[in-house]
N, C-alpha and C. Protein backbone atom coordinates (compact mmCIF):
# COMPACT_ATOMS: atom_id res chain seq x y z
N MET A 1 0.84 -1.18 0.00
CA MET A 1 0.00 0.00 0.00
C MET A 1 0.88 1.24 0.00
N PHE A 2 0.58 2.15 -0.89
CA PHE A 2 1.34 3.39 -0.98
C PHE A 2 0.57 4.51 -0.28
N GLY A 3 1.27 5.52 0.11
CA GLY A 3 0.65 6.70 0.70
C GLY A 3 0.48 6.61 2.19
N THR A 4 1.08 7.54 2.88
CA THR A 4 0.98 7.60 4.34
C THR A 4 -0.09 8.64 4.72
N PRO A 5 -0.52 8.62 5.96
CA PRO A 5 -1.46 9.67 6.39
C PRO A 5 -0.89 11.08 6.18
N ALA A 6 0.40 11.25 6.40
CA ALA A 6 1.01 12.57 6.18
C ALA A 6 0.97 12.96 4.70
N GLN A 7 1.20 12.00 3.82
CA GLN A 7 1.12 12.29 2.39
C GLN A 7 -0.31 12.63 1.98
N GLU A 8 -1.27 11.90 2.51
CA GLU A 8 -2.66 12.21 2.20
C GLU A 8 -3.02 13.62 2.68
N ALA A 9 -2.57 13.97 3.86
CA ALA A 9 -2.84 15.32 4.38
C ALA A 9 -2.22 16.38 3.48
N ALA A 10 -1.02 16.12 2.99
CA ALA A 10 -0.34 17.07 2.10
C ALA A 10 -1.10 17.22 0.78
N VAL A 11 -1.58 16.11 0.24
CA VAL A 11 -2.35 16.14 -1.01
C VAL A 11 -3.65 16.92 -0.80
N ARG A 12 -4.34 16.64 0.29
CA ARG A 12 -5.58 17.36 0.59
C ARG A 12 -5.33 18.86 0.74
N GLU A 13 -4.19 19.21 1.31
CA GLU A 13 -3.85 20.63 1.47
C GLU A 13 -3.64 21.31 0.12
N VAL A 14 -2.99 20.63 -0.81
CA VAL A 14 -2.79 21.20 -2.15
C VAL A 14 -4.14 21.45 -2.81
N VAL A 15 -5.04 20.49 -2.73
CA VAL A 15 -6.37 20.66 -3.33
C VAL A 15 -7.11 21.82 -2.65
N ALA A 16 -7.02 21.90 -1.34
CA ALA A 16 -7.66 23.02 -0.62
C ALA A 16 -7.05 24.35 -1.05
N ASP A 17 -5.73 24.39 -1.18
CA ASP A 17 -5.06 25.63 -1.60
C ASP A 17 -5.47 26.02 -3.02
N ALA A 18 -5.65 25.03 -3.90
CA ALA A 18 -6.09 25.33 -5.26
C ALA A 18 -7.45 26.03 -5.23
N GLY A 19 -8.33 25.59 -4.36
CA GLY A 19 -9.62 26.26 -4.21
C GLY A 19 -9.48 27.64 -3.61
N LYS A 20 -8.66 27.73 -2.60
CA LYS A 20 -8.44 29.00 -1.90
C LYS A 20 -7.87 30.07 -2.83
N TYR A 21 -6.98 29.68 -3.71
CA TYR A 21 -6.27 30.62 -4.57
C TYR A 21 -6.78 30.63 -6.01
N GLN A 22 -8.01 30.17 -6.25
CA GLN A 22 -8.52 30.07 -7.61
C GLN A 22 -8.58 31.41 -8.34
N SER A 23 -8.50 32.52 -7.63
CA SER A 23 -8.51 33.84 -8.27
C SER A 23 -7.20 34.58 -8.04
N ASP A 24 -6.15 33.85 -7.71
CA ASP A 24 -4.85 34.43 -7.38
C ASP A 24 -3.74 33.66 -8.11
N PRO A 25 -3.46 34.04 -9.36
CA PRO A 25 -2.47 33.29 -10.14
C PRO A 25 -1.11 33.14 -9.45
N GLU A 26 -0.68 34.15 -8.72
CA GLU A 26 0.63 34.10 -8.07
C GLU A 26 0.75 32.91 -7.11
N HIS A 27 -0.32 32.59 -6.42
CA HIS A 27 -0.29 31.47 -5.48
C HIS A 27 -0.84 30.18 -6.08
N PHE A 28 -1.75 30.30 -7.06
CA PHE A 28 -2.38 29.14 -7.68
C PHE A 28 -1.41 28.36 -8.58
N LEU A 29 -0.70 29.06 -9.44
CA LEU A 29 0.13 28.40 -10.45
C LEU A 29 1.24 27.52 -9.87
N PRO A 30 1.94 27.93 -8.80
CA PRO A 30 2.98 27.06 -8.25
C PRO A 30 2.46 25.74 -7.66
N LEU A 31 1.16 25.62 -7.51
CA LEU A 31 0.59 24.36 -7.03
C LEU A 31 0.56 23.30 -8.12
N HIS A 32 0.95 23.67 -9.33
CA HIS A 32 0.88 22.81 -10.50
C HIS A 32 2.27 22.51 -11.06
N THR A 33 2.40 21.35 -11.68
CA THR A 33 3.66 21.00 -12.34
C THR A 33 3.82 21.85 -13.59
N PRO A 34 5.04 22.03 -14.08
CA PRO A 34 5.25 22.81 -15.30
C PRO A 34 4.48 22.27 -16.50
N ASP A 35 4.28 20.93 -16.54
CA ASP A 35 3.60 20.32 -17.69
C ASP A 35 2.14 19.96 -17.39
N VAL A 36 1.53 20.65 -16.44
CA VAL A 36 0.15 20.37 -16.04
C VAL A 36 -0.80 20.40 -17.23
N GLU A 37 -1.84 19.58 -17.14
CA GLU A 37 -2.94 19.63 -18.12
C GLU A 37 -4.24 19.78 -17.35
N ILE A 38 -5.04 20.74 -17.80
CA ILE A 38 -6.34 21.02 -17.18
C ILE A 38 -7.40 20.87 -18.27
N VAL A 39 -8.47 20.13 -17.96
CA VAL A 39 -9.62 20.05 -18.85
C VAL A 39 -10.81 20.56 -18.05
N ASN A 40 -11.43 21.65 -18.54
CA ASN A 40 -12.50 22.28 -17.78
C ASN A 40 -13.87 21.70 -18.12
N PHE A 41 -14.90 22.28 -17.52
CA PHE A 41 -16.28 21.84 -17.73
C PHE A 41 -16.66 21.76 -19.21
N GLY A 42 -16.22 22.76 -19.96
CA GLY A 42 -16.59 22.84 -21.37
C GLY A 42 -15.75 21.98 -22.28
N GLY A 43 -14.78 21.25 -21.72
CA GLY A 43 -13.93 20.39 -22.53
C GLY A 43 -12.68 21.07 -23.05
N ARG A 44 -12.45 22.32 -22.66
CA ARG A 44 -11.24 23.02 -23.10
C ARG A 44 -10.04 22.45 -22.35
N ARG A 45 -9.01 22.10 -23.11
CA ARG A 45 -7.77 21.57 -22.54
C ARG A 45 -6.71 22.66 -22.58
N VAL A 46 -6.07 22.87 -21.44
CA VAL A 46 -4.97 23.81 -21.33
C VAL A 46 -3.75 23.00 -20.91
N ALA A 47 -2.69 23.09 -21.70
CA ALA A 47 -1.49 22.29 -21.44
C ALA A 47 -0.33 23.19 -21.05
N GLY A 48 0.21 22.96 -19.87
CA GLY A 48 1.37 23.68 -19.40
C GLY A 48 1.01 24.79 -18.43
N ARG A 49 1.88 24.99 -17.44
CA ARG A 49 1.64 26.00 -16.42
C ARG A 49 1.61 27.40 -17.00
N GLU A 50 2.45 27.66 -18.00
CA GLU A 50 2.46 28.98 -18.62
C GLU A 50 1.12 29.26 -19.32
N ALA A 51 0.63 28.29 -20.08
CA ALA A 51 -0.66 28.45 -20.76
C ALA A 51 -1.79 28.56 -19.74
N LEU A 52 -1.69 27.82 -18.64
CA LEU A 52 -2.70 27.90 -17.58
C LEU A 52 -2.72 29.31 -17.00
N GLY A 53 -1.56 29.88 -16.79
CA GLY A 53 -1.48 31.25 -16.28
C GLY A 53 -2.12 32.25 -17.23
N GLU A 54 -1.86 32.10 -18.52
CA GLU A 54 -2.46 32.99 -19.52
C GLU A 54 -3.98 32.85 -19.51
N ALA A 55 -4.47 31.62 -19.49
CA ALA A 55 -5.91 31.38 -19.49
C ALA A 55 -6.56 31.92 -18.21
N MET A 56 -5.88 31.74 -17.10
CA MET A 56 -6.41 32.20 -15.82
C MET A 56 -6.48 33.72 -15.78
N ARG A 57 -5.42 34.37 -16.22
CA ARG A 57 -5.41 35.84 -16.21
C ARG A 57 -6.47 36.40 -17.16
N ALA A 58 -6.66 35.77 -18.31
CA ALA A 58 -7.70 36.22 -19.24
C ALA A 58 -9.08 36.05 -18.62
N ALA A 59 -9.32 34.93 -17.95
CA ALA A 59 -10.62 34.69 -17.31
C ALA A 59 -10.86 35.70 -16.19
N LEU A 60 -9.84 36.01 -15.43
CA LEU A 60 -9.99 36.95 -14.32
C LEU A 60 -10.19 38.38 -14.80
N ALA A 61 -9.84 38.65 -16.05
CA ALA A 61 -10.04 39.98 -16.63
C ALA A 61 -11.38 40.07 -17.37
N SER A 62 -12.18 39.02 -17.26
CA SER A 62 -13.47 38.95 -17.96
C SER A 62 -14.59 38.75 -16.94
N PRO A 63 -15.83 38.67 -17.40
CA PRO A 63 -16.92 38.37 -16.46
C PRO A 63 -16.78 37.02 -15.75
N LEU A 64 -15.92 36.15 -16.26
CA LEU A 64 -15.69 34.86 -15.60
C LEU A 64 -15.07 35.03 -14.21
N ALA A 65 -14.57 36.23 -13.93
CA ALA A 65 -14.02 36.49 -12.60
C ALA A 65 -15.10 36.34 -11.53
N GLU A 66 -16.37 36.41 -11.94
CA GLU A 66 -17.49 36.27 -11.00
C GLU A 66 -17.91 34.82 -10.80
N VAL A 67 -17.19 33.89 -11.42
CA VAL A 67 -17.50 32.47 -11.29
C VAL A 67 -16.48 31.85 -10.34
N ALA A 68 -16.96 31.20 -9.30
CA ALA A 68 -16.07 30.54 -8.34
C ALA A 68 -16.53 29.10 -8.18
N THR A 69 -15.63 28.27 -7.69
CA THR A 69 -15.96 26.86 -7.48
C THR A 69 -15.62 26.45 -6.06
N THR A 70 -16.31 25.43 -5.60
CA THR A 70 -15.94 24.76 -4.35
C THR A 70 -15.75 23.29 -4.69
N VAL A 71 -14.85 22.66 -3.97
CA VAL A 71 -14.49 21.27 -4.23
C VAL A 71 -14.58 20.48 -2.93
N GLU A 72 -15.26 19.36 -3.00
CA GLU A 72 -15.38 18.45 -1.87
C GLU A 72 -14.69 17.14 -2.24
N ILE A 73 -13.63 16.82 -1.55
CA ILE A 73 -12.89 15.59 -1.83
C ILE A 73 -13.72 14.40 -1.36
N THR A 74 -13.87 13.42 -2.25
CA THR A 74 -14.61 12.21 -1.91
C THR A 74 -13.69 11.00 -1.74
N GLY A 75 -12.43 11.14 -2.16
CA GLY A 75 -11.50 10.04 -1.98
C GLY A 75 -10.10 10.41 -2.44
N VAL A 76 -9.13 9.78 -1.81
CA VAL A 76 -7.72 9.93 -2.19
C VAL A 76 -7.12 8.53 -2.21
N ARG A 77 -6.42 8.22 -3.28
CA ARG A 77 -5.72 6.93 -3.32
C ARG A 77 -4.35 7.13 -3.94
N PHE A 78 -3.46 6.22 -3.64
CA PHE A 78 -2.07 6.28 -4.10
C PHE A 78 -1.78 5.02 -4.90
N PRO A 79 -1.92 5.08 -6.24
CA PRO A 79 -1.70 3.87 -7.04
C PRO A 79 -0.25 3.42 -7.09
N ARG A 80 0.67 4.33 -6.80
CA ARG A 80 2.09 4.00 -6.73
C ARG A 80 2.78 5.07 -5.91
N GLU A 81 4.00 4.82 -5.54
CA GLU A 81 4.75 5.77 -4.74
C GLU A 81 4.87 7.10 -5.48
N GLY A 82 4.54 8.18 -4.80
CA GLY A 82 4.71 9.52 -5.36
C GLY A 82 3.60 9.95 -6.30
N VAL A 83 2.51 9.19 -6.37
CA VAL A 83 1.38 9.53 -7.25
C VAL A 83 0.09 9.42 -6.44
N ALA A 84 -0.74 10.47 -6.54
CA ALA A 84 -2.03 10.46 -5.85
C ALA A 84 -3.14 10.78 -6.84
N VAL A 85 -4.24 10.06 -6.70
CA VAL A 85 -5.44 10.34 -7.48
C VAL A 85 -6.49 10.82 -6.49
N VAL A 86 -7.04 12.00 -6.78
CA VAL A 86 -8.04 12.60 -5.91
C VAL A 86 -9.37 12.65 -6.66
N ALA A 87 -10.39 12.07 -6.07
CA ALA A 87 -11.75 12.17 -6.60
C ALA A 87 -12.46 13.26 -5.79
N ALA A 88 -13.19 14.11 -6.51
CA ALA A 88 -13.87 15.21 -5.83
C ALA A 88 -15.15 15.57 -6.57
N PHE A 89 -16.01 16.28 -5.85
CA PHE A 89 -17.23 16.82 -6.42
C PHE A 89 -17.06 18.33 -6.47
N LYS A 90 -17.29 18.91 -7.63
CA LYS A 90 -17.07 20.34 -7.85
C LYS A 90 -18.40 21.04 -8.05
N ARG A 91 -18.57 22.17 -7.39
CA ARG A 91 -19.77 22.99 -7.56
C ARG A 91 -19.36 24.37 -8.08
N VAL A 92 -20.12 24.86 -9.03
CA VAL A 92 -19.84 26.16 -9.63
C VAL A 92 -20.83 27.18 -9.07
N HIS A 93 -20.30 28.30 -8.66
CA HIS A 93 -21.10 29.40 -8.12
C HIS A 93 -20.91 30.59 -9.05
N ASP A 94 -21.95 30.96 -9.76
CA ASP A 94 -21.87 31.99 -10.79
C ASP A 94 -22.61 33.24 -10.33
N ALA A 95 -21.85 34.30 -10.06
CA ALA A 95 -22.45 35.56 -9.60
C ALA A 95 -22.67 36.55 -10.75
N ARG A 96 -22.37 36.12 -11.98
CA ARG A 96 -22.59 37.03 -13.12
C ARG A 96 -24.07 37.29 -13.30
N LYS A 97 -24.40 38.51 -13.68
CA LYS A 97 -25.80 38.85 -13.93
C LYS A 97 -25.93 39.52 -15.30
N GLU A 98 -26.95 39.12 -16.01
CA GLU A 98 -27.31 39.75 -17.28
C GLU A 98 -28.14 40.99 -16.98
N PRO A 99 -28.40 41.85 -17.98
CA PRO A 99 -29.22 43.04 -17.73
C PRO A 99 -30.59 42.74 -17.11
N ASP A 100 -31.13 41.55 -17.38
CA ASP A 100 -32.44 41.21 -16.81
C ASP A 100 -32.33 40.69 -15.37
N GLY A 101 -31.10 40.68 -14.83
CA GLY A 101 -30.89 40.23 -13.45
C GLY A 101 -30.72 38.75 -13.29
N VAL A 102 -30.78 38.01 -14.38
CA VAL A 102 -30.62 36.55 -14.35
C VAL A 102 -29.23 36.21 -14.86
N GLY A 103 -28.61 35.26 -14.22
CA GLY A 103 -27.28 34.84 -14.64
C GLY A 103 -27.33 34.07 -15.95
N PRO A 104 -26.22 34.07 -16.70
CA PRO A 104 -26.17 33.32 -17.95
C PRO A 104 -26.22 31.82 -17.70
N ALA A 105 -26.67 31.10 -18.68
CA ALA A 105 -26.75 29.65 -18.54
C ALA A 105 -25.35 29.05 -18.53
N LEU A 106 -25.13 28.13 -17.64
CA LEU A 106 -23.87 27.40 -17.57
C LEU A 106 -24.08 26.01 -18.14
N PRO A 107 -23.02 25.39 -18.69
CA PRO A 107 -23.18 24.02 -19.19
C PRO A 107 -23.53 23.05 -18.07
N ALA A 108 -23.10 23.35 -16.87
CA ALA A 108 -23.43 22.54 -15.70
C ALA A 108 -23.05 23.35 -14.47
N THR A 109 -23.63 23.02 -13.35
CA THR A 109 -23.27 23.71 -12.12
C THR A 109 -22.55 22.78 -11.15
N SER A 110 -22.35 21.55 -11.56
CA SER A 110 -21.60 20.61 -10.75
C SER A 110 -20.91 19.60 -11.65
N GLY A 111 -19.91 18.95 -11.09
CA GLY A 111 -19.18 17.97 -11.88
C GLY A 111 -18.32 17.08 -11.02
N GLN A 112 -17.90 16.00 -11.62
CA GLN A 112 -16.93 15.10 -11.00
C GLN A 112 -15.55 15.58 -11.42
N LEU A 113 -14.71 15.84 -10.44
CA LEU A 113 -13.37 16.37 -10.68
C LEU A 113 -12.36 15.32 -10.26
N THR A 114 -11.42 15.04 -11.14
CA THR A 114 -10.33 14.12 -10.84
C THR A 114 -9.02 14.86 -10.95
N TYR A 115 -8.23 14.77 -9.90
CA TYR A 115 -6.88 15.33 -9.89
C TYR A 115 -5.87 14.19 -9.90
N LEU A 116 -4.77 14.42 -10.58
CA LEU A 116 -3.60 13.57 -10.47
C LEU A 116 -2.50 14.45 -9.90
N LEU A 117 -1.98 14.09 -8.75
CA LEU A 117 -0.89 14.84 -8.13
C LEU A 117 0.35 13.98 -8.09
N VAL A 118 1.49 14.63 -8.19
CA VAL A 118 2.77 13.92 -8.12
C VAL A 118 3.63 14.57 -7.04
N GLU A 119 4.40 13.73 -6.39
CA GLU A 119 5.36 14.23 -5.41
C GLU A 119 6.66 14.51 -6.14
N GLU A 120 7.09 15.74 -6.11
CA GLU A 120 8.27 16.12 -6.88
C GLU A 120 9.54 15.97 -6.04
N ALA A 121 10.69 16.17 -6.68
CA ALA A 121 11.99 15.96 -6.04
C ALA A 121 12.16 16.79 -4.78
N ASP A 122 11.51 17.96 -4.73
CA ASP A 122 11.62 18.81 -3.54
C ASP A 122 10.69 18.37 -2.42
N GLY A 123 9.95 17.27 -2.63
CA GLY A 123 9.04 16.75 -1.62
C GLY A 123 7.65 17.36 -1.66
N ALA A 124 7.45 18.37 -2.50
CA ALA A 124 6.14 19.01 -2.60
C ALA A 124 5.24 18.22 -3.54
N TRP A 125 3.96 18.16 -3.19
CA TRP A 125 2.95 17.57 -4.05
C TRP A 125 2.41 18.67 -4.95
N ARG A 126 2.28 18.37 -6.25
CA ARG A 126 1.76 19.34 -7.21
C ARG A 126 0.75 18.66 -8.13
N ILE A 127 -0.18 19.47 -8.60
CA ILE A 127 -1.22 18.98 -9.51
C ILE A 127 -0.61 18.82 -10.90
N SER A 128 -0.74 17.64 -11.46
CA SER A 128 -0.24 17.35 -12.79
C SER A 128 -1.38 17.28 -13.82
N LEU A 129 -2.58 16.95 -13.33
CA LEU A 129 -3.74 16.85 -14.22
C LEU A 129 -4.99 17.15 -13.42
N ALA A 130 -5.91 17.88 -14.03
CA ALA A 130 -7.23 18.09 -13.44
C ALA A 130 -8.24 17.95 -14.57
N GLN A 131 -9.23 17.10 -14.38
CA GLN A 131 -10.25 16.83 -15.39
C GLN A 131 -11.62 16.94 -14.72
N THR A 132 -12.47 17.82 -15.25
CA THR A 132 -13.82 17.95 -14.72
C THR A 132 -14.82 17.44 -15.76
N SER A 133 -15.69 16.56 -15.32
CA SER A 133 -16.77 16.06 -16.15
C SER A 133 -18.08 16.60 -15.61
N PRO A 134 -18.83 17.34 -16.44
CA PRO A 134 -20.08 17.92 -15.95
C PRO A 134 -21.07 16.84 -15.53
N VAL A 135 -21.84 17.17 -14.51
CA VAL A 135 -22.94 16.32 -14.05
C VAL A 135 -24.21 17.13 -14.19
N THR A 136 -25.17 16.58 -14.90
CA THR A 136 -26.46 17.24 -15.01
C THR A 136 -27.50 16.33 -14.39
N PHE A 137 -28.35 16.90 -13.61
CA PHE A 137 -29.36 16.11 -12.89
C PHE A 137 -30.71 16.34 -13.50
């Protein structure tokens, strides 16, 4: 069995920090590996920390800055040494308002989120992959 309680706590902390800093590129981006891949609700794939930073800054300069998410971890497992898979449920909170006072339609307001984290040479856990699949009820 791989993964100690201390490693699981460290992985959970990275996921919590990703949520905490979702609107702060300076603190959010270092939580990710240089070759990170992110696939969002809409299926857009962003490859690399630099591209993630560009996409994040563009989103924060748009009405998407009013969209925030919360993540509830439902499980953590360690398929091998230095690798963690995190299963989570993601909820989208959209504060954007149209002129009629109603928010724009979102493709989904919740989803299943899977993270792949790796333990790097410096001992830090970083997000290497994040994939969100929309859930519609």
